[in-house]
């Protein structure tokens, strides 16, 4: 089983999925916010005893590929949005909707193989 955790934040659901998918499972965690992703990676390390593969992508999920701008609320970093605020980051977009709607395109398992380039 492959679990896709979009907007993984610090990894609560990534850790739960890691434990629920078993030894043959894979968890793909997508998190565009750099600071949240650092904590996400620590969560993955803290749950390393589980043999499930976890792959962290440093991008924003979107309906199309390309650059994006992620605006971060400086008072509450748990609420990064794709709308203007004071601080911003420039994650790349990973188009999920267009690939999911295209039945002739790759499946999630094909799109996120464990050996794909760009995985952390």
Protein backbone atom coordinates (compact mmCIF):
# COMPACT_ATOMS: atom_id res chain seq x y z
CA UNK A 1 0.00 0.00 0.00
CA UNK A 2 1.15 3.53 -0.77
CA UNK A 3 -0.10 6.43 1.37
CA UNK A 4 0.19 9.95 -0.03
CA UNK A 5 0.30 12.59 2.74
CA UNK A 6 -0.14 15.98 1.09
CA UNK A 7 0.74 18.90 3.35
CA UNK A 8 2.48 16.58 5.80
CA UNK A 9 3.43 19.46 8.13
CA UNK A 10 5.52 17.94 10.99
CA UNK A 11 4.59 14.33 10.26
CA UNK A 12 1.80 13.25 12.62
CA UNK A 13 -0.15 11.45 9.88
CA UNK A 14 3.06 10.35 8.19
CA UNK A 15 4.06 8.56 11.42
CA UNK A 16 0.59 7.00 11.77
CA UNK A 17 0.62 5.84 8.14
CA UNK A 18 4.14 4.47 8.61
CA UNK A 19 2.87 2.21 11.39
CA UNK A 20 -0.36 1.22 9.62
CA UNK A 21 1.01 0.32 6.17
CA UNK A 22 3.26 -2.50 7.38
CA UNK A 23 6.66 -3.62 6.15
CA UNK A 24 5.65 -3.60 2.48
CA UNK A 25 4.12 -0.13 2.64
CA UNK A 26 5.35 3.21 1.36
CA UNK A 27 4.49 6.66 2.66
CA UNK A 28 5.01 9.70 0.43
CA UNK A 29 4.99 12.94 2.44
CA UNK A 30 4.72 16.23 0.54
CA UNK A 31 5.62 19.37 2.51
CA UNK A 32 6.64 22.67 0.88
CA UNK A 33 7.46 24.62 4.06
CA UNK A 34 11.17 24.21 4.89
CA UNK A 35 10.89 24.55 8.68
CA UNK A 36 7.94 22.14 8.92
CA UNK A 37 9.80 19.70 6.65
CA UNK A 38 12.79 19.65 9.02
CA UNK A 39 10.46 18.55 11.84
CA UNK A 40 8.78 16.08 9.49
CA UNK A 41 12.16 14.48 8.80
CA UNK A 42 12.83 14.29 12.57
CA UNK A 43 9.46 12.57 13.03
CA UNK A 44 10.37 10.05 10.33
CA UNK A 45 13.74 9.40 12.04
CA UNK A 46 12.07 9.00 15.45
CA UNK A 47 9.84 6.29 13.94
CA UNK A 48 12.68 4.53 12.11
CA UNK A 49 12.04 1.19 13.87
CA UNK A 50 9.09 0.64 11.53
CA UNK A 51 10.32 -0.82 8.23
CA UNK A 52 7.89 1.14 6.04
CA UNK A 53 9.61 3.29 3.39
CA UNK A 54 8.99 7.02 3.81
CA UNK A 55 9.89 9.53 1.10
CA UNK A 56 9.70 13.27 1.76
CA UNK A 57 9.21 15.67 -1.15
CA UNK A 58 10.09 19.35 -0.80
CA UNK A 59 7.34 20.70 -3.02
CA UNK A 60 3.74 21.91 -3.03
CA UNK A 61 0.97 19.67 -4.35
CA UNK A 62 -0.99 21.39 -7.06
CA UNK A 63 -3.15 20.90 -10.11
CA UNK A 64 -0.14 21.78 -12.29
CA UNK A 65 3.66 21.61 -12.36
CA UNK A 66 5.89 24.68 -12.01
CA UNK A 67 6.98 27.29 -9.50
CA UNK A 68 4.78 28.45 -6.63
CA UNK A 69 4.91 30.97 -3.84
CA UNK A 70 4.10 29.83 -0.32
CA UNK A 71 3.25 32.60 2.13
CA UNK A 72 3.91 31.93 5.82
CA UNK A 73 2.04 33.53 8.69
CA UNK A 74 4.85 34.75 11.02
CA UNK A 75 2.54 34.50 14.07
CA UNK A 76 1.47 30.93 13.30
CA UNK A 77 3.84 28.87 11.19
CA UNK A 78 1.36 26.00 11.25
CA UNK A 79 -0.70 27.91 8.71
CA UNK A 80 1.33 28.31 5.52
CA UNK A 81 -0.91 29.39 2.66
CA UNK A 82 -0.67 30.07 -1.03
CA UNK A 83 -1.78 33.67 -0.41
CA UNK A 84 0.11 36.89 0.39
CA UNK A 85 1.52 37.60 3.84
CA UNK A 86 4.84 38.92 5.14
CA UNK A 87 7.20 35.95 4.62
CA UNK A 88 7.34 33.68 1.62
CA UNK A 89 9.15 30.66 0.20
CA UNK A 90 9.42 29.49 -3.40
CA UNK A 91 8.58 25.75 -3.54
CA UNK A 92 8.13 23.94 -6.82
CA UNK A 93 4.67 22.61 -7.64
CA UNK A 94 4.07 18.94 -8.22
CA UNK A 95 0.96 18.47 -10.37
CA UNK A 96 -1.24 15.79 -8.82
CA UNK A 97 -4.76 16.56 -10.03
CA UNK A 98 -3.94 16.61 -13.72
CA UNK A 99 -2.17 13.25 -13.41
CA UNK A 100 -4.96 11.71 -11.33
CA UNK A 101 -7.63 12.88 -13.78
CA UNK A 102 -5.67 11.50 -16.73
CA UNK A 103 -6.43 7.78 -16.58
CA UNK A 104 -3.87 7.10 -19.30
CA UNK A 105 -1.16 8.72 -17.14
CA UNK A 106 0.90 7.16 -14.37
CA UNK A 107 -0.66 5.98 -11.14
CA UNK A 108 0.46 7.32 -7.77
CA UNK A 109 2.67 4.24 -7.40
CA UNK A 110 4.26 4.98 -10.80
CA UNK A 111 4.59 8.69 -10.05
CA UNK A 112 6.32 8.13 -6.70
CA UNK A 113 8.54 5.05 -7.06
CA UNK A 114 11.01 4.50 -4.25
CA UNK A 115 13.94 5.15 -6.59
CA UNK A 116 12.61 8.43 -8.06
CA UNK A 117 15.02 11.32 -8.39
CA UNK A 118 14.45 14.26 -6.08
CA UNK A 119 13.45 12.27 -3.01
CA UNK A 120 14.92 13.19 0.36
